Amino acid sequence: MALLHVMAQLQSEFAYTLHVATFDHTWRGQESAQDARAVATFAHSLGIPCTIGTASSGIANTEEAARNLRHEFFAQVAHAVGGQWVALAHHRNDQAETLLLRLVRGTGGQGLQGMKEVAPLPSDPQIKIIRPLLGIMRADIETYCQLHQLPIRHDPTNDDSTYRRNQLRLQILPQLRTMNPQIDHTLARTAELLADEHDFLESHTHQLMQASLVVLPNGTLKFPLSVFDAQHIAIQRRLLRQMIHHIDPLVEVGFDRIQTALMYKQSPHHFGLIELGGGIHFQLTHRQLYVGRGSSLVDYPSPCLSEGTSVELQLNNAVELNDIVWLLSDQEHSSNGIILSLSTDETVTIRTKREGDRWYPIALQGHSKPLKKWFSEQRIPIAWRAVLPLIVVNERVIGVILDGQFIAAWVDQSKSINLRKLSLSWVHEPKAFRSDTNL
């Protein structure tokens, strides 16, 4: 009633048009119907039209069910009258109660920020909620109602301590006021400070998303693991939440699921899907983080071979494998490729891995390790391991082509004498390649 009276007085000054919407949840029978009629009577006395909504029978007797129905009704009325804003009468004490309520339920920084003065209507984000009284204490609003002799009505539901919010209002907050008489101000101010910090962190996270996120044709989101790992864990959590929200704004994922995904990221031995919620999954490779829907988010790398492939390359003879042309040449090419230093009696084979393969990672400086173990340590997806191209010289694996990049093995420099340099190239357009090389 106070909100309606104030906004009616300011109508001409700020040039807006009001329409009142009041909703009867039908929990209190005739009493709640009389409340709705009283609102309509007061609105009409101010020359403002009013629409009354009534819940159908069988509505669940919960705060959440009531709020959802109320919001849906507000959206319907707003569309019917051409409204873009819904003004609600939440005040500063409500803000304090909301912060405590969410803290008791368990929430992260986003929940602890409390209500905002301007926010999307949950049932219809195109319509905005405004809360003009959010900075004003309930006691001041009651004083305003008395001064202007407004026809206020008391809802006895607010005295029912079976509702959790009422427990906080009637039992917990009075006890806290004995410790801090300004506890309502303190809690509301905390919510405001957290809201400011949340907005800053969300903006920073959004900038990271804009700079680095790639949306694949199937809707899967791909994000560079190096950029993700460089962020503070608070930003990592927000990145995951924003990716989830990008895929489906209605999916809510709890802290535990996000934390499980981050713990999974620390282990080098997992390559499967982690479910975040709402059918959305999380998956890693050696260089990328994927979030999306489906049984597998990671496409095969390029180039790749058919499992069991093994082809010995002849100098200046092109070989086509899986729509990619490979060429070992004594001339350098501008296409994808690497330079090999070989003696005349060495053969070059391109093949997939075999059981028992070992190789010499540069970090081990001459010592070998099983290729299978190295794949695991590098987070190479299991589905990739059987199709990655290996470059083999005289049965020694000298490199792996991993998602377009050549990862070389350690080479004993003391033996690198009287060698010839050859170019090993691969391209995705066989016809253009053959034309360029006159083959």
Protein backbone atom coordinates (compact mmCIF):
# COMPACT_ATOMS: atom_id res chain seq x y z
CA MET A 1 0.00 0.00 0.00
CA ALA A 2 2.85 2.38 0.82
CA LEU A 3 4.57 1.60 -2.50
CA LEU A 4 1.35 2.22 -4.42
CA HIS A 5 0.72 5.52 -2.60
CA VAL A 6 4.27 6.81 -3.19
CA MET A 7 4.35 5.84 -6.86
CA ALA A 8 0.92 7.40 -7.42
CA GLN A 9 2.21 10.72 -6.02
CA LEU A 10 5.23 10.66 -8.35
CA GLN A 11 3.33 9.58 -11.47
CA SER A 12 3.04 12.99 -13.08
CA GLU A 13 6.58 14.08 -12.13
CA PHE A 14 8.25 11.06 -13.78
CA ALA A 15 5.68 10.53 -16.55
CA TYR A 16 4.92 6.86 -16.08
CA THR A 17 1.58 5.01 -16.08
CA LEU A 18 0.63 2.64 -13.28
CA HIS A 19 -1.41 -0.54 -13.33
CA VAL A 20 -1.89 -2.49 -10.10
CA ALA A 21 -1.68 -6.30 -10.04
CA THR A 22 -2.54 -8.21 -6.86
CA PHE A 23 -2.64 -11.99 -6.49
CA ASP A 24 -4.84 -14.06 -4.20
CA HIS A 25 -3.15 -17.36 -3.33
CA THR A 26 -6.49 -18.57 -1.83
CA TRP A 27 -4.74 -20.00 1.23
CA ARG A 28 -6.98 -18.03 3.62
CA GLY A 29 -10.30 -18.34 1.82
CA GLN A 30 -12.55 -15.29 2.05
CA GLU A 31 -10.01 -13.35 4.08
CA SER A 32 -7.41 -13.31 1.32
CA ALA A 33 -10.12 -12.50 -1.26
CA GLN A 34 -11.09 -9.48 0.87
CA ASP A 35 -7.41 -8.40 0.91
CA ALA A 36 -7.33 -8.42 -2.89
CA ARG A 37 -10.58 -6.39 -3.09
CA ALA A 38 -9.18 -3.87 -0.59
CA VAL A 39 -6.14 -3.36 -2.84
CA ALA A 40 -8.40 -2.85 -5.87
CA THR A 41 -10.57 -0.37 -3.95
CA PHE A 42 -7.56 1.68 -2.87
CA ALA A 43 -6.10 1.62 -6.41
CA HIS A 44 -9.39 2.84 -7.88
CA SER A 45 -9.53 5.65 -5.28
CA LEU A 46 -6.21 6.83 -6.73
CA GLY A 47 -7.54 6.56 -10.28
CA ILE A 48 -5.36 3.52 -11.10
CA PRO A 49 -6.72 0.34 -12.75
CA CYS A 50 -6.21 -2.96 -10.94
CA THR A 51 -6.15 -6.61 -12.05
CA ILE A 52 -6.79 -9.34 -9.49
CA GLY A 53 -5.34 -12.81 -10.03
CA THR A 54 -6.60 -15.90 -8.23
CA ALA A 55 -4.75 -19.18 -7.80
CA SER A 56 -6.51 -22.35 -8.82
CA SER A 57 -7.23 -24.92 -6.15
CA GLY A 58 -4.51 -27.33 -5.14
CA ILE A 59 -1.59 -24.87 -5.05
CA ALA A 60 1.21 -26.18 -2.86
CA ASN A 61 1.38 -24.39 0.47
CA THR A 62 5.00 -23.29 0.06
CA GLU A 63 6.70 -19.92 -0.34
CA GLU A 64 8.36 -21.05 -3.58
CA ALA A 65 5.11 -22.21 -5.21
CA ALA A 66 3.38 -18.97 -4.22
CA ARG A 67 6.23 -16.82 -5.54
CA ASN A 68 6.36 -18.65 -8.87
CA LEU A 69 2.62 -18.27 -9.44
CA ARG A 70 2.76 -14.61 -8.43
CA HIS A 71 5.61 -13.88 -10.84
CA GLU A 72 3.84 -15.64 -13.71
CA PHE A 73 0.73 -13.55 -13.02
CA PHE A 74 2.74 -10.32 -12.95
CA ALA A 75 4.30 -11.21 -16.32
CA GLN A 76 0.87 -11.89 -17.83
CA VAL A 77 -0.53 -8.57 -16.60
CA ALA A 78 2.56 -6.67 -17.76
CA HIS A 79 2.20 -8.06 -21.28
CA ALA A 80 -1.55 -7.39 -21.29
CA VAL A 81 -1.15 -3.69 -20.39
CA GLY A 82 2.12 -3.11 -22.26
CA GLY A 83 4.21 -2.76 -19.10
CA GLN A 84 7.97 -3.23 -18.99
CA TRP A 85 8.58 -2.89 -15.24
CA VAL A 86 7.13 -4.61 -12.18
CA ALA A 87 7.56 -2.63 -8.95
CA LEU A 88 7.72 -4.76 -5.79
CA ALA A 89 7.65 -3.50 -2.20
CA HIS A 90 10.61 -5.38 -0.70
CA HIS A 91 12.35 -3.28 1.96
CA ARG A 92 15.62 -3.28 3.87
CA ASN A 93 14.46 -5.76 6.50
CA ASP A 94 13.44 -8.15 3.73
CA GLN A 95 16.98 -7.85 2.39
CA ALA A 96 18.44 -8.82 5.76
CA GLU A 97 16.04 -11.78 6.02
CA THR A 98 16.90 -12.91 2.49
CA LEU A 99 20.63 -12.89 3.23
CA LEU A 100 20.13 -14.95 6.41
CA LEU A 101 17.73 -17.33 4.69
CA ARG A 102 20.13 -18.06 1.86
CA LEU A 103 23.02 -18.44 4.29
CA VAL A 104 21.05 -21.04 6.26
CA ARG A 105 20.11 -22.94 3.09
CA GLY A 106 23.70 -22.81 1.81
CA THR A 107 24.71 -20.68 -1.13
CA GLY A 108 27.67 -19.11 -2.86
CA GLY A 109 28.59 -15.49 -3.40
CA GLN A 110 25.83 -14.99 -5.95
CA GLY A 111 23.11 -15.98 -3.49
CA LEU A 112 24.57 -13.98 -0.61
CA GLN A 113 24.29 -10.76 -2.55
CA GLY A 114 20.57 -10.74 -1.76
CA MET A 115 17.95 -8.96 -3.83
CA LYS A 116 18.80 -6.28 -6.38
CA GLU A 117 17.04 -2.97 -6.91
CA VAL A 118 16.73 -3.87 -10.60
CA ALA A 119 16.59 -7.47 -11.84
CA PRO A 120 14.92 -9.61 -14.53
CA LEU A 121 11.55 -11.09 -13.61
CA PRO A 122 12.37 -14.83 -13.20
CA SER A 123 9.32 -16.00 -15.14
CA ASP A 124 10.00 -13.57 -18.02
CA PRO A 125 13.49 -11.99 -18.15
CA GLN A 126 12.33 -9.44 -20.75
CA ILE A 127 10.38 -7.73 -17.97
CA LYS A 128 12.38 -6.02 -15.21
CA ILE A 129 11.67 -5.97 -11.48
CA ILE A 130 12.32 -2.73 -9.61
CA ARG A 131 12.35 -2.42 -5.82
CA PRO A 132 12.05 1.28 -4.94
CA LEU A 133 11.79 0.64 -1.17
CA LEU A 134 14.75 -1.72 -0.84
CA GLY A 135 16.83 0.85 1.04
CA ILE A 136 14.07 1.74 3.54
CA MET A 137 13.41 0.07 6.90
CA ARG A 138 10.05 -1.51 7.62
CA ALA A 139 9.53 0.76 10.64
CA ASP A 140 9.82 3.84 8.42
CA ILE A 141 7.29 2.37 5.97
CA GLU A 142 4.85 1.71 8.83
CA THR A 143 5.27 5.31 9.98
CA TYR A 144 4.53 6.53 6.46
CA CYS A 145 1.34 4.44 6.36
CA GLN A 146 0.18 5.93 9.68
CA LEU A 147 0.95 9.52 8.61
CA HIS A 148 -1.07 9.14 5.40
CA GLN A 149 -3.75 6.95 7.01
CA LEU A 150 -3.37 4.25 4.38
CA PRO A 151 -5.82 1.31 4.54
CA ILE A 152 -3.23 -1.32 5.39
CA ARG A 153 -4.23 -4.91 6.10
CA HIS A 154 -2.34 -7.51 8.12
CA ASP A 155 -1.69 -10.93 6.61
CA PRO A 156 -1.78 -13.49 9.48
CA THR A 157 0.29 -15.87 7.33
CA ASN A 158 3.26 -13.71 8.31
CA ASP A 159 2.76 -14.83 11.93
CA ASP A 160 3.01 -18.54 11.06
CA SER A 161 6.43 -19.73 12.22
CA THR A 162 6.19 -22.95 10.21
CA TYR A 163 7.53 -20.90 7.29
CA ARG A 164 11.30 -20.55 7.47
CA ARG A 165 11.36 -16.84 6.64
CA ASN A 166 8.90 -16.17 9.46
CA GLN A 167 11.10 -18.16 11.85
CA LEU A 168 13.97 -15.84 11.01
CA ARG A 169 11.81 -12.72 11.32
CA LEU A 170 10.01 -13.69 14.54
CA GLN A 171 12.64 -15.71 16.42
CA ILE A 172 16.19 -15.45 15.08
CA LEU A 173 16.48 -11.76 14.17
CA PRO A 174 15.11 -10.54 17.53
CA GLN A 175 17.83 -12.57 19.26
CA LEU A 176 20.50 -11.17 16.94
CA ARG A 177 19.29 -7.62 17.69
CA THR A 178 20.17 -8.17 21.34
CA MET A 179 23.77 -8.66 20.19
CA ASN A 180 23.70 -5.93 17.54
CA PRO A 181 20.72 -3.52 17.48
CA GLN A 182 21.71 -2.57 13.91
CA ILE A 183 21.85 -6.16 12.66
CA ASP A 184 19.24 -5.51 9.93
CA HIS A 185 21.33 -2.63 8.55
CA THR A 186 24.49 -4.70 8.89
CA LEU A 187 23.08 -7.68 6.98
CA ALA A 188 21.55 -5.51 4.27
CA ARG A 189 24.82 -3.59 3.83
CA THR A 190 26.72 -6.89 3.59
CA ALA A 191 24.36 -8.01 0.83
CA GLU A 192 24.99 -4.75 -1.04
CA LEU A 193 28.77 -5.07 -0.75
CA LEU A 194 28.64 -8.67 -1.95
CA ALA A 195 26.43 -7.59 -4.86
CA ASP A 196 29.03 -5.03 -5.97
CA GLU A 197 31.84 -7.59 -5.79
CA HIS A 198 29.70 -10.17 -7.59
CA ASP A 199 29.00 -7.71 -10.43
CA PHE A 200 32.72 -6.97 -10.82
CA LEU A 201 33.70 -10.65 -10.88
CA GLU A 202 30.91 -11.51 -13.30
CA SER A 203 32.02 -8.70 -15.62
CA HIS A 204 35.64 -9.89 -15.50
CA THR A 205 34.54 -13.47 -16.19
CA HIS A 206 32.38 -12.34 -19.09
CA GLN A 207 35.36 -10.56 -20.65
CA LEU A 208 37.39 -13.80 -20.43
CA MET A 209 34.54 -15.66 -22.09
CA GLN A 210 34.34 -13.15 -24.93
CA ALA A 211 38.09 -13.28 -25.49
CA SER A 212 38.64 -17.05 -25.40
CA LEU A 213 35.40 -19.02 -25.72
CA VAL A 214 34.68 -20.92 -28.95
CA VAL A 215 31.21 -22.25 -29.75
CA LEU A 216 31.43 -25.42 -31.87
CA PRO A 217 28.79 -26.17 -34.57
CA ASN A 218 27.04 -28.67 -32.28
CA GLY A 219 26.67 -26.07 -29.53
CA THR A 220 29.52 -27.41 -27.37
CA LEU A 221 31.65 -24.71 -25.73
CA LYS A 222 35.44 -24.95 -25.97
CA PHE A 223 37.76 -22.95 -23.70
CA PRO A 224 41.59 -22.99 -23.63
CA LEU A 225 42.81 -24.96 -20.63
CA SER A 226 45.88 -22.72 -20.27
CA VAL A 227 43.66 -19.63 -19.86
CA PHE A 228 41.36 -21.48 -17.45
CA ASP A 229 44.25 -22.76 -15.30
CA ALA A 230 45.71 -19.24 -15.06
CA GLN A 231 42.58 -17.98 -13.22
CA HIS A 232 41.90 -17.91 -9.50
CA ILE A 233 39.60 -20.74 -8.43
CA ALA A 234 36.81 -18.20 -7.78
CA ILE A 235 36.96 -17.17 -11.45
CA GLN A 236 37.17 -20.81 -12.56
CA ARG A 237 33.89 -21.53 -10.77
CA ARG A 238 32.28 -18.51 -12.42
CA LEU A 239 33.58 -19.52 -15.84
CA LEU A 240 31.95 -22.93 -15.50
CA ARG A 241 28.69 -21.36 -14.32
CA GLN A 242 28.65 -18.85 -17.18
CA MET A 243 29.32 -21.65 -19.70
CA ILE A 244 26.44 -23.65 -18.25
CA HIS A 245 24.20 -20.58 -18.35
CA HIS A 246 25.26 -19.96 -21.97
CA ILE A 247 24.01 -23.44 -22.91
CA ASP A 248 20.82 -23.31 -20.83
CA PRO A 249 19.95 -20.28 -18.65
CA LEU A 250 17.39 -22.34 -16.71
CA VAL A 251 19.84 -25.00 -15.46
CA GLU A 252 20.98 -24.48 -11.87
CA VAL A 253 24.14 -26.36 -10.87
CA GLY A 254 25.10 -26.65 -7.22
CA PHE A 255 28.49 -25.99 -5.66
CA ASP A 256 29.23 -29.70 -5.23
CA ARG A 257 28.95 -30.42 -8.96
CA ILE A 258 31.20 -27.48 -9.84
CA GLN A 259 33.73 -28.57 -7.23
CA THR A 260 33.68 -32.15 -8.53
CA ALA A 261 34.52 -30.88 -12.01
CA LEU A 262 37.43 -28.80 -10.68
CA MET A 263 38.79 -31.76 -8.69
CA TYR A 264 38.49 -33.93 -11.80
CA LYS A 265 40.53 -31.33 -13.67
CA GLN A 266 43.42 -31.85 -11.24
CA SER A 267 43.70 -35.56 -12.01
CA PRO A 268 45.63 -36.63 -15.12
CA HIS A 269 43.92 -40.02 -15.28
CA HIS A 270 40.33 -39.13 -16.18
CA PHE A 271 39.10 -38.43 -19.70
CA GLY A 272 35.40 -39.22 -19.56
CA LEU A 273 32.41 -36.97 -19.02
CA ILE A 274 31.51 -35.32 -15.73
CA GLU A 275 27.81 -34.46 -15.44
CA LEU A 276 27.21 -30.95 -14.16
CA GLY A 277 23.42 -31.10 -14.20
CA GLY A 278 20.51 -30.66 -16.59
CA GLY A 279 22.13 -32.98 -19.14
CA ILE A 280 25.19 -30.71 -19.40
CA HIS A 281 28.64 -32.32 -19.20
CA PHE A 282 32.25 -31.29 -18.69
CA GLN A 283 35.25 -32.86 -20.45
CA LEU A 284 38.97 -32.14 -20.80
CA THR A 285 41.71 -32.73 -23.31
CA HIS A 286 45.39 -31.86 -23.08
CA ARG A 287 44.71 -28.27 -24.18
CA GLN A 288 40.96 -27.60 -24.04
CA LEU A 289 38.05 -27.63 -21.66
CA TYR A 290 34.63 -28.54 -23.10
CA VAL A 291 31.14 -27.94 -21.73
CA GLY A 292 28.07 -29.18 -23.59
CA ARG A 293 25.46 -31.85 -24.13
CA GLY A 294 26.08 -35.26 -25.66
CA SER A 295 27.85 -38.57 -25.05
CA SER A 296 31.18 -37.12 -26.21
CA LEU A 297 32.08 -33.45 -26.46
CA VAL A 298 35.52 -33.88 -28.02
CA ASP A 299 35.87 -34.29 -31.79
CA TYR A 300 38.67 -36.34 -33.29
CA PRO A 301 41.88 -34.38 -33.78
CA SER A 302 43.17 -33.32 -37.15
CA PRO A 303 45.10 -34.91 -38.68
CA CYS A 304 44.26 -38.45 -37.58
CA LEU A 305 44.64 -41.93 -39.04
CA SER A 306 42.55 -45.07 -39.08
CA GLU A 307 43.48 -47.38 -36.24
CA GLY A 308 46.20 -49.84 -37.29
CA THR A 309 47.52 -47.67 -40.14
CA SER A 310 51.22 -48.04 -41.00
CA VAL A 311 52.68 -46.55 -44.20
CA GLU A 312 56.35 -46.17 -45.10
CA LEU A 313 56.81 -42.83 -46.88
CA GLN A 314 58.85 -42.68 -50.06
CA LEU A 315 60.70 -39.49 -50.96
CA ASN A 316 58.57 -37.10 -53.09
CA ASN A 317 55.68 -39.56 -53.33
CA ALA A 318 52.42 -38.20 -51.86
CA VAL A 319 50.24 -40.55 -49.81
CA GLU A 320 46.58 -39.83 -49.04
CA LEU A 321 45.23 -41.08 -45.70
CA ASN A 322 41.83 -40.05 -44.30
CA ASP A 323 41.48 -37.15 -46.80
CA ILE A 324 44.91 -35.77 -45.82
CA VAL A 325 47.89 -35.90 -48.14
CA TRP A 326 51.31 -36.62 -46.59
CA LEU A 327 54.53 -35.87 -48.44
CA LEU A 328 58.14 -36.55 -47.52
CA SER A 329 60.15 -34.13 -49.67
CA ASP A 330 63.68 -32.83 -50.10
CA GLN A 331 62.17 -29.35 -50.50
CA GLU A 332 60.44 -27.27 -47.84
CA HIS A 333 56.74 -26.46 -48.22
CA SER A 334 54.69 -23.66 -46.71
CA SER A 335 51.90 -26.02 -45.65
CA ASN A 336 51.68 -27.79 -42.31
CA GLY A 337 54.87 -29.68 -41.78
CA ILE A 338 58.09 -30.38 -39.96
CA ILE A 339 61.78 -30.62 -40.84
CA LEU A 340 63.47 -33.97 -40.24
CA SER A 341 67.22 -34.57 -40.11
CA LEU A 342 67.91 -38.07 -41.43
CA SER A 343 70.76 -40.15 -42.73
CA THR A 344 70.42 -41.84 -46.12
CA ASP A 345 69.72 -45.32 -44.71
CA GLU A 346 66.83 -44.27 -42.45
CA THR A 347 63.20 -44.91 -43.36
CA VAL A 348 60.24 -42.78 -42.29
CA THR A 349 56.98 -44.44 -41.39
CA ILE A 350 53.73 -42.81 -40.40
CA ARG A 351 51.56 -45.07 -38.24
CA THR A 352 49.31 -45.34 -35.20
CA LYS A 353 50.48 -46.61 -31.83
CA ARG A 354 51.17 -50.24 -31.10
CA GLU A 355 51.12 -52.15 -27.86
CA GLY A 356 54.46 -51.73 -26.10
CA ASP A 357 55.46 -48.51 -27.91
CA ARG A 358 58.02 -46.43 -26.00
CA TRP A 359 59.36 -43.02 -26.83
CA TYR A 360 61.78 -40.37 -25.56
CA PRO A 361 60.04 -37.22 -24.25
CA ILE A 362 62.32 -34.19 -24.32
CA ALA A 363 61.81 -33.65 -20.58
CA LEU A 364 63.51 -36.99 -19.85
CA GLN A 365 66.66 -36.07 -21.86
CA GLY A 366 67.40 -39.45 -23.36
CA HIS A 367 65.32 -41.72 -21.16
CA SER A 368 62.26 -43.43 -22.56
CA LYS A 369 58.82 -44.14 -21.16
CA PRO A 370 55.77 -46.07 -22.42
CA LEU A 371 53.85 -44.03 -24.94
CA LYS A 372 50.63 -45.20 -23.28
CA LYS A 373 51.72 -43.65 -19.98
CA TRP A 374 52.76 -40.41 -21.65
CA PHE A 375 49.34 -40.16 -23.35
CA SER A 376 47.69 -40.48 -19.95
CA GLU A 377 49.93 -37.86 -18.33
CA GLN A 378 49.23 -35.42 -21.15
CA ARG A 379 45.44 -35.87 -20.85
CA ILE A 380 45.15 -37.23 -24.37
CA PRO A 381 41.53 -38.44 -24.70
CA ILE A 382 41.31 -42.21 -24.84
CA ALA A 383 39.43 -42.06 -28.15
CA TRP A 384 42.35 -40.16 -29.70
CA ARG A 385 45.17 -42.46 -28.68
CA ALA A 386 44.58 -45.11 -31.33
CA VAL A 387 44.36 -42.60 -34.20
CA LEU A 388 47.10 -40.02 -33.52
CA PRO A 389 49.82 -40.02 -36.21
CA LEU A 390 53.23 -41.19 -34.98
CA ILE A 391 56.36 -40.37 -36.97
CA VAL A 392 58.68 -43.35 -36.77
CA VAL A 393 62.27 -43.48 -38.05
CA ASN A 394 63.82 -46.96 -38.17
CA GLU A 395 61.22 -48.19 -35.61
CA ARG A 396 61.99 -45.35 -33.19
CA VAL A 397 59.09 -42.97 -32.44
CA ILE A 398 60.53 -39.51 -33.05
CA GLY A 399 57.34 -37.52 -32.67
CA VAL A 400 53.58 -37.35 -32.26
CA ILE A 401 51.31 -35.08 -34.28
CA LEU A 402 48.79 -33.90 -31.74
CA ASP A 403 45.87 -31.78 -32.92
CA GLY A 404 47.89 -30.17 -35.70
CA GLN A 405 51.15 -29.73 -33.73
CA PHE A 406 54.27 -31.87 -33.93
CA ILE A 407 55.66 -32.89 -30.55
CA ALA A 408 59.22 -34.04 -31.06
CA ALA A 409 61.13 -36.67 -29.12
CA TRP A 410 64.55 -36.09 -27.56
CA VAL A 411 67.42 -36.39 -30.03
CA ASP A 412 71.03 -37.24 -29.16
CA GLN A 413 72.84 -34.25 -30.66
CA SER A 414 76.21 -36.03 -30.63
CA LYS A 415 74.92 -38.41 -33.31
CA SER A 416 73.46 -35.66 -35.51
CA ILE A 417 76.23 -35.56 -38.15
CA ASN A 418 76.20 -36.07 -41.93
CA LEU A 419 72.44 -35.71 -42.00
CA ARG A 420 70.15 -34.45 -44.74
CA LYS A 421 67.14 -32.26 -44.05
CA LEU A 422 63.76 -33.44 -45.34
CA SER A 423 60.34 -31.85 -45.09
CA LEU A 424 57.35 -33.88 -43.91
CA SER A 425 54.12 -32.06 -44.81
CA TRP A 426 50.41 -32.76 -44.46
CA VAL A 427 47.52 -30.82 -45.98
CA HIS A 428 43.73 -31.13 -45.94
CA GLU A 429 43.10 -30.29 -49.60
CA PRO A 430 44.69 -33.00 -51.76
CA LYS A 431 43.90 -31.41 -55.13
CA ALA A 432 45.38 -28.03 -54.25
CA PHE A 433 48.41 -29.73 -52.76
CA ARG A 434 49.05 -31.84 -55.85
CA SER A 435 48.70 -28.79 -58.07
CA ASP A 436 51.20 -26.81 -56.03
CA THR A 437 53.76 -29.60 -56.08
CA ASN A 438 53.23 -30.66 -59.71
CA LEU A 439 52.54 -34.23 -58.73
